[in-house]
Amino acid sequence: MAERIAYRGRTAQDAQNIKPEEYLKLVKSRQRRSIKRAGLPYRKLIQKIERYKKNGMGKPVKTHVREAVILPSWVGMKISVHNGKEFTALDITAQMLGHRLGEFAYTTKRVQHSAPGIRATKGSKFLAVK
């Protein structure tokens, strides 16, 4: 059986058409407060996304605003979020609603240490190189 992608009992298509007042009732209080306050960078991001949607631009929207809560009108859009070094591309889905953009653009990578060098003893791998 195919997996049904939904947001709080709504299909992806229904989630995209949720009215802002109805959406505020569905999200948790911390996200609701953030959306209601909508500071200046957040407001600029919303305007930029609306401009991209209206003009039908195919390239992703670039942003540094990691704390922005994902809104229903953003479903299906491509957004590039800055992780401190580079932009990470995201395809917004209905399952991401209510989360913040920064949750999907990781700022740290997994550390992989290499083996000790040539002529190294087992104990020397714990010594500093310098």
N, C-alpha and C. Protein backbone atom coordinates (compact mmCIF):
# COMPACT_ATOMS: atom_id res chain seq x y z
N MET A 1 0.84 -1.17 0.00
CA MET A 1 0.00 0.00 0.00
C MET A 1 0.89 1.24 0.00
N ALA A 2 0.54 2.23 -0.79
CA ALA A 2 1.34 3.45 -0.90
C ALA A 2 1.21 4.28 0.38
N GLU A 3 2.31 4.95 0.71
CA GLU A 3 2.31 5.80 1.90
C GLU A 3 1.52 7.07 1.60
N ARG A 4 0.67 7.44 2.53
CA ARG A 4 -0.14 8.64 2.37
C ARG A 4 0.59 9.80 3.04
N ILE A 5 1.06 10.74 2.24
CA ILE A 5 1.76 11.89 2.78
C ILE A 5 0.71 12.91 3.22
N ALA A 6 0.75 13.26 4.50
CA ALA A 6 -0.27 14.16 5.01
C ALA A 6 0.30 15.05 6.10
N TYR A 7 -0.44 16.11 6.40
CA TYR A 7 -0.12 17.00 7.51
C TYR A 7 -1.37 17.10 8.37
N ARG A 8 -1.30 16.52 9.53
CA ARG A 8 -2.40 16.56 10.50
C ARG A 8 -3.74 16.16 9.88
N GLY A 9 -3.72 15.03 9.15
CA GLY A 9 -4.94 14.50 8.58
C GLY A 9 -5.31 15.07 7.22
N ARG A 10 -4.51 15.92 6.66
CA ARG A 10 -4.79 16.51 5.34
C ARG A 10 -3.78 16.01 4.32
N THR A 11 -4.23 15.81 3.11
CA THR A 11 -3.32 15.39 2.05
C THR A 11 -2.43 16.58 1.67
N ALA A 12 -1.42 16.31 0.86
CA ALA A 12 -0.48 17.36 0.46
C ALA A 12 -1.20 18.49 -0.27
N GLN A 13 -2.16 18.15 -1.14
CA GLN A 13 -2.90 19.17 -1.89
C GLN A 13 -3.76 20.00 -0.95
N ASP A 14 -4.42 19.35 0.02
CA ASP A 14 -5.24 20.08 0.98
C ASP A 14 -4.38 20.95 1.90
N ALA A 15 -3.22 20.44 2.27
CA ALA A 15 -2.33 21.19 3.16
C ALA A 15 -1.84 22.46 2.49
N GLN A 16 -1.65 22.43 1.20
CA GLN A 16 -1.17 23.59 0.47
C GLN A 16 -2.22 24.70 0.43
N ASN A 17 -3.49 24.34 0.53
CA ASN A 17 -4.58 25.31 0.43
C ASN A 17 -5.16 25.72 1.77
N ILE A 18 -4.48 25.41 2.88
CA ILE A 18 -4.96 25.79 4.21
C ILE A 18 -4.89 27.31 4.34
N LYS A 19 -5.94 27.91 4.89
CA LYS A 19 -5.94 29.36 5.12
C LYS A 19 -5.04 29.68 6.30
N PRO A 20 -4.43 30.87 6.32
CA PRO A 20 -3.51 31.22 7.41
C PRO A 20 -4.13 31.13 8.81
N GLU A 21 -5.38 31.55 8.97
CA GLU A 21 -6.03 31.50 10.28
C GLU A 21 -6.21 30.05 10.74
N GLU A 22 -6.57 29.19 9.80
CA GLU A 22 -6.76 27.77 10.12
C GLU A 22 -5.42 27.10 10.43
N TYR A 23 -4.38 27.51 9.70
CA TYR A 23 -3.05 26.94 9.92
C TYR A 23 -2.52 27.27 11.30
N LEU A 24 -2.80 28.50 11.78
CA LEU A 24 -2.34 28.90 13.10
C LEU A 24 -2.95 28.03 14.20
N LYS A 25 -4.15 27.51 13.97
CA LYS A 25 -4.78 26.64 14.95
C LYS A 25 -4.14 25.24 14.96
N LEU A 26 -3.52 24.86 13.84
CA LEU A 26 -2.94 23.52 13.71
C LEU A 26 -1.53 23.41 14.28
N VAL A 27 -0.75 24.51 14.24
CA VAL A 27 0.64 24.44 14.68
C VAL A 27 0.74 24.60 16.19
N LYS A 28 1.90 24.26 16.72
CA LYS A 28 2.14 24.37 18.15
C LYS A 28 2.33 25.83 18.53
N SER A 29 2.26 26.11 19.83
CA SER A 29 2.26 27.50 20.30
C SER A 29 3.54 28.25 19.97
N ARG A 30 4.69 27.60 20.02
CA ARG A 30 5.96 28.29 19.73
C ARG A 30 6.00 28.75 18.28
N GLN A 31 5.55 27.88 17.36
CA GLN A 31 5.53 28.25 15.95
C GLN A 31 4.47 29.33 15.69
N ARG A 32 3.33 29.22 16.38
CA ARG A 32 2.26 30.19 16.22
C ARG A 32 2.74 31.58 16.63
N ARG A 33 3.47 31.64 17.74
CA ARG A 33 3.99 32.93 18.20
C ARG A 33 5.00 33.50 17.20
N SER A 34 5.85 32.65 16.66
CA SER A 34 6.84 33.09 15.69
C SER A 34 6.18 33.63 14.42
N ILE A 35 5.15 32.96 13.95
CA ILE A 35 4.45 33.40 12.74
C ILE A 35 3.73 34.72 12.99
N LYS A 36 3.08 34.87 14.15
CA LYS A 36 2.35 36.09 14.45
C LYS A 36 3.29 37.29 14.56
N ARG A 37 4.45 37.09 15.16
CA ARG A 37 5.39 38.19 15.34
C ARG A 37 6.05 38.57 14.03
N ALA A 38 6.45 37.59 13.24
CA ALA A 38 7.02 37.77 11.89
C ALA A 38 7.89 39.02 11.79
N GLY A 39 9.10 38.92 12.31
CA GLY A 39 10.04 40.04 12.27
C GLY A 39 10.46 40.40 10.85
N LEU A 40 11.30 41.42 10.74
CA LEU A 40 11.67 41.97 9.44
C LEU A 40 12.30 40.96 8.48
N PRO A 41 13.34 40.17 8.89
CA PRO A 41 13.91 39.24 7.91
C PRO A 41 12.91 38.18 7.46
N TYR A 42 12.06 37.76 8.39
CA TYR A 42 11.05 36.76 8.09
C TYR A 42 10.04 37.32 7.10
N ARG A 43 9.62 38.57 7.30
CA ARG A 43 8.67 39.23 6.43
C ARG A 43 9.25 39.40 5.02
N LYS A 44 10.55 39.75 4.96
CA LYS A 44 11.21 39.89 3.66
C LYS A 44 11.27 38.56 2.92
N LEU A 45 11.50 37.47 3.67
CA LEU A 45 11.53 36.14 3.05
C LEU A 45 10.16 35.79 2.48
N ILE A 46 9.09 36.06 3.22
CA ILE A 46 7.74 35.77 2.75
C ILE A 46 7.45 36.55 1.47
N GLN A 47 7.84 37.83 1.44
CA GLN A 47 7.64 38.65 0.24
C GLN A 47 8.45 38.12 -0.94
N LYS A 48 9.67 37.68 -0.67
CA LYS A 48 10.54 37.16 -1.73
C LYS A 48 9.96 35.87 -2.32
N ILE A 49 9.44 35.00 -1.46
CA ILE A 49 8.84 33.74 -1.93
C ILE A 49 7.59 34.02 -2.76
N GLU A 50 6.77 34.97 -2.31
CA GLU A 50 5.57 35.33 -3.08
C GLU A 50 5.95 35.90 -4.45
N ARG A 51 7.02 36.69 -4.50
CA ARG A 51 7.49 37.26 -5.76
C ARG A 51 7.97 36.15 -6.71
N TYR A 52 8.69 35.16 -6.16
CA TYR A 52 9.16 34.03 -6.97
C TYR A 52 7.98 33.22 -7.51
N LYS A 53 6.95 33.01 -6.67
CA LYS A 53 5.78 32.24 -7.10
C LYS A 53 5.02 32.99 -8.19
N LYS A 54 4.89 34.30 -8.03
CA LYS A 54 4.13 35.10 -8.99
C LYS A 54 4.82 35.14 -10.35
N ASN A 55 6.15 35.27 -10.35
CA ASN A 55 6.91 35.34 -11.60
C ASN A 55 7.21 33.96 -12.18
N GLY A 56 6.97 32.91 -11.42
CA GLY A 56 7.20 31.55 -11.91
C GLY A 56 8.67 31.22 -12.13
N MET A 57 9.53 31.75 -11.28
CA MET A 57 10.96 31.48 -11.40
C MET A 57 11.26 30.04 -11.03
N GLY A 58 12.09 29.37 -11.83
CA GLY A 58 12.40 27.97 -11.59
C GLY A 58 13.53 27.75 -10.60
N LYS A 59 14.38 28.77 -10.41
CA LYS A 59 15.51 28.59 -9.51
C LYS A 59 15.06 28.69 -8.05
N PRO A 60 15.79 28.07 -7.12
CA PRO A 60 15.38 28.10 -5.71
C PRO A 60 15.59 29.48 -5.08
N VAL A 61 14.79 29.76 -4.06
CA VAL A 61 14.90 31.00 -3.30
C VAL A 61 16.04 30.82 -2.31
N LYS A 62 17.03 31.73 -2.33
CA LYS A 62 18.16 31.65 -1.40
C LYS A 62 17.84 32.47 -0.16
N THR A 63 18.15 31.91 1.02
CA THR A 63 17.87 32.64 2.25
C THR A 63 18.86 32.26 3.35
N HIS A 64 19.07 33.20 4.27
CA HIS A 64 19.86 32.95 5.47
C HIS A 64 18.94 32.80 6.68
N VAL A 65 17.64 32.99 6.51
CA VAL A 65 16.69 32.97 7.62
C VAL A 65 16.34 31.53 7.96
N ARG A 66 17.13 30.95 8.86
CA ARG A 66 16.95 29.55 9.25
C ARG A 66 15.80 29.37 10.23
N GLU A 67 15.42 30.44 10.93
CA GLU A 67 14.40 30.32 11.97
C GLU A 67 12.97 30.47 11.44
N ALA A 68 12.81 30.64 10.12
CA ALA A 68 11.48 30.81 9.53
C ALA A 68 10.69 29.51 9.60
N VAL A 69 9.45 29.61 10.07
CA VAL A 69 8.55 28.45 10.13
C VAL A 69 7.96 28.23 8.74
N ILE A 70 7.96 26.98 8.30
CA ILE A 70 7.47 26.66 6.95
C ILE A 70 5.95 26.81 6.90
N LEU A 71 5.48 27.58 5.93
CA LEU A 71 4.06 27.88 5.77
C LEU A 71 3.44 27.02 4.66
N PRO A 72 2.11 26.83 4.69
CA PRO A 72 1.46 25.99 3.68
C PRO A 72 1.62 26.50 2.25
N SER A 73 1.73 27.80 2.07
CA SER A 73 1.87 28.35 0.71
C SER A 73 3.23 28.01 0.09
N TRP A 74 4.17 27.53 0.90
CA TRP A 74 5.51 27.21 0.42
C TRP A 74 5.62 25.78 -0.10
N VAL A 75 4.61 24.96 0.09
CA VAL A 75 4.67 23.55 -0.32
C VAL A 75 4.89 23.46 -1.82
N GLY A 76 5.88 22.67 -2.22
CA GLY A 76 6.21 22.50 -3.63
C GLY A 76 7.31 23.44 -4.11
N MET A 77 7.72 24.38 -3.28
CA MET A 77 8.77 25.34 -3.68
C MET A 77 10.14 24.76 -3.38
N LYS A 78 11.14 25.33 -4.03
CA LYS A 78 12.53 24.99 -3.77
C LYS A 78 13.16 26.16 -3.04
N ILE A 79 13.74 25.90 -1.86
CA ILE A 79 14.36 26.94 -1.05
C ILE A 79 15.76 26.49 -0.70
N SER A 80 16.75 27.37 -0.88
CA SER A 80 18.13 27.08 -0.50
C SER A 80 18.42 27.81 0.81
N VAL A 81 18.78 27.06 1.84
CA VAL A 81 19.02 27.61 3.17
C VAL A 81 20.52 27.58 3.45
N HIS A 82 21.04 28.68 3.97
CA HIS A 82 22.48 28.78 4.26
C HIS A 82 22.78 28.02 5.55
N ASN A 83 23.83 27.17 5.52
CA ASN A 83 24.17 26.40 6.70
C ASN A 83 25.45 26.91 7.38
N GLY A 84 25.90 28.10 6.99
CA GLY A 84 27.11 28.66 7.56
C GLY A 84 28.27 28.63 6.60
N LYS A 85 28.21 27.73 5.63
CA LYS A 85 29.28 27.60 4.64
C LYS A 85 28.75 27.69 3.22
N GLU A 86 27.63 27.02 2.99
CA GLU A 86 27.06 26.96 1.65
C GLU A 86 25.55 26.88 1.76
N PHE A 87 24.88 26.94 0.62
CA PHE A 87 23.43 26.85 0.59
C PHE A 87 23.01 25.40 0.35
N THR A 88 22.08 24.92 1.18
CA THR A 88 21.55 23.57 1.07
C THR A 88 20.16 23.64 0.44
N ALA A 89 19.96 22.97 -0.68
CA ALA A 89 18.68 23.02 -1.39
C ALA A 89 17.65 22.13 -0.71
N LEU A 90 16.43 22.66 -0.56
CA LEU A 90 15.33 21.92 0.04
C LEU A 90 14.12 21.95 -0.89
N ASP A 91 13.44 20.83 -1.01
CA ASP A 91 12.14 20.79 -1.67
C ASP A 91 11.11 20.73 -0.55
N ILE A 92 10.28 21.73 -0.43
CA ILE A 92 9.32 21.82 0.67
C ILE A 92 8.16 20.86 0.39
N THR A 93 7.88 19.98 1.36
CA THR A 93 6.77 19.03 1.27
C THR A 93 5.78 19.29 2.39
N ALA A 94 4.63 18.64 2.32
CA ALA A 94 3.59 18.82 3.34
C ALA A 94 4.05 18.32 4.71
N GLN A 95 4.95 17.35 4.74
CA GLN A 95 5.42 16.83 6.02
C GLN A 95 6.31 17.82 6.76
N MET A 96 6.85 18.82 6.06
CA MET A 96 7.74 19.81 6.67
C MET A 96 6.97 20.95 7.34
N LEU A 97 5.67 21.05 7.12
CA LEU A 97 4.89 22.15 7.67
C LEU A 97 5.02 22.21 9.19
N GLY A 98 5.18 23.41 9.71
CA GLY A 98 5.31 23.61 11.15
C GLY A 98 6.72 23.52 11.66
N HIS A 99 7.64 23.02 10.84
CA HIS A 99 9.05 22.95 11.23
C HIS A 99 9.76 24.22 10.75
N ARG A 100 10.99 24.40 11.19
CA ARG A 100 11.77 25.56 10.77
C ARG A 100 12.72 25.14 9.65
N LEU A 101 13.09 26.10 8.81
CA LEU A 101 13.97 25.81 7.67
C LEU A 101 15.31 25.26 8.13
N GLY A 102 15.84 25.76 9.22
CA GLY A 102 17.14 25.35 9.72
C GLY A 102 17.21 23.90 10.15
N GLU A 103 16.07 23.27 10.43
CA GLU A 103 16.05 21.87 10.84
C GLU A 103 16.45 20.94 9.70
N PHE A 104 16.36 21.42 8.47
CA PHE A 104 16.64 20.58 7.32
C PHE A 104 17.96 20.91 6.63
N ALA A 105 18.66 21.93 7.14
CA ALA A 105 19.97 22.31 6.59
C ALA A 105 20.98 22.17 7.72
N TYR A 106 21.60 21.02 7.83
CA TYR A 106 22.52 20.74 8.93
C TYR A 106 23.76 21.61 8.86
N THR A 107 24.22 22.08 10.03
CA THR A 107 25.38 22.97 10.07
C THR A 107 26.68 22.22 10.35
N THR A 108 26.59 20.99 10.78
CA THR A 108 27.80 20.21 11.05
C THR A 108 27.76 18.91 10.26
N LYS A 109 28.95 18.41 9.93
CA LYS A 109 29.05 17.15 9.21
C LYS A 109 29.61 16.09 10.13
N ARG A 110 29.49 14.86 9.74
CA ARG A 110 30.03 13.74 10.50
C ARG A 110 31.55 13.77 10.39
N VAL A 111 32.24 13.59 11.51
CA VAL A 111 33.69 13.62 11.53
C VAL A 111 34.22 12.22 11.26
N GLN A 112 35.14 12.10 10.31
CA GLN A 112 35.78 10.83 10.01
C GLN A 112 37.27 11.00 10.19
N HIS A 113 37.82 10.30 11.15
CA HIS A 113 39.25 10.37 11.39
C HIS A 113 39.95 9.31 10.57
N SER A 114 41.14 9.65 10.09
CA SER A 114 41.89 8.68 9.30
C SER A 114 42.75 7.82 10.22
N ALA A 115 43.39 6.84 9.63
CA ALA A 115 44.27 5.94 10.38
C ALA A 115 45.59 6.66 10.69
N PRO A 116 46.39 6.19 11.65
CA PRO A 116 47.69 6.80 11.92
C PRO A 116 48.61 6.68 10.71
N GLY A 117 49.59 7.58 10.62
CA GLY A 117 50.47 7.65 9.47
C GLY A 117 51.50 6.53 9.41
N ILE A 118 52.40 6.63 8.42
CA ILE A 118 53.46 5.63 8.22
C ILE A 118 54.42 5.66 9.40
N ARG A 119 54.90 4.49 9.83
CA ARG A 119 55.83 4.30 10.95
C ARG A 119 55.25 4.76 12.29
N ALA A 120 53.96 4.84 12.37
CA ALA A 120 53.34 5.25 13.63
C ALA A 120 53.12 4.02 14.50
N THR A 121 53.26 4.23 15.79
CA THR A 121 52.97 3.14 16.73
C THR A 121 51.53 3.29 17.18
N LYS A 122 51.02 2.26 17.82
CA LYS A 122 49.64 2.33 18.27
C LYS A 122 49.42 3.46 19.27
N GLY A 123 50.42 3.74 20.08
CA GLY A 123 50.28 4.81 21.07
C GLY A 123 50.42 6.19 20.47
N SER A 124 51.12 6.34 19.34
CA SER A 124 51.36 7.66 18.78
C SER A 124 50.12 8.24 18.09
N LYS A 125 49.12 7.44 17.86
CA LYS A 125 47.92 8.01 17.22
C LYS A 125 47.16 8.93 18.17
N PHE A 126 47.49 8.88 19.47
CA PHE A 126 46.82 9.74 20.43
C PHE A 126 47.59 11.02 20.71
N LEU A 127 48.79 11.19 20.15
CA LEU A 127 49.60 12.39 20.34
C LEU A 127 49.23 13.45 19.34
N ALA A 128 49.40 14.70 19.72
CA ALA A 128 49.12 15.82 18.82
C ALA A 128 50.17 15.84 17.72
N VAL A 129 49.81 16.29 16.54
CA VAL A 129 50.72 16.33 15.39
C VAL A 129 51.76 17.42 15.60
N LYS A 130 51.37 18.54 16.18
CA LYS A 130 52.28 19.68 16.36
C LYS A 130 52.97 19.62 17.69
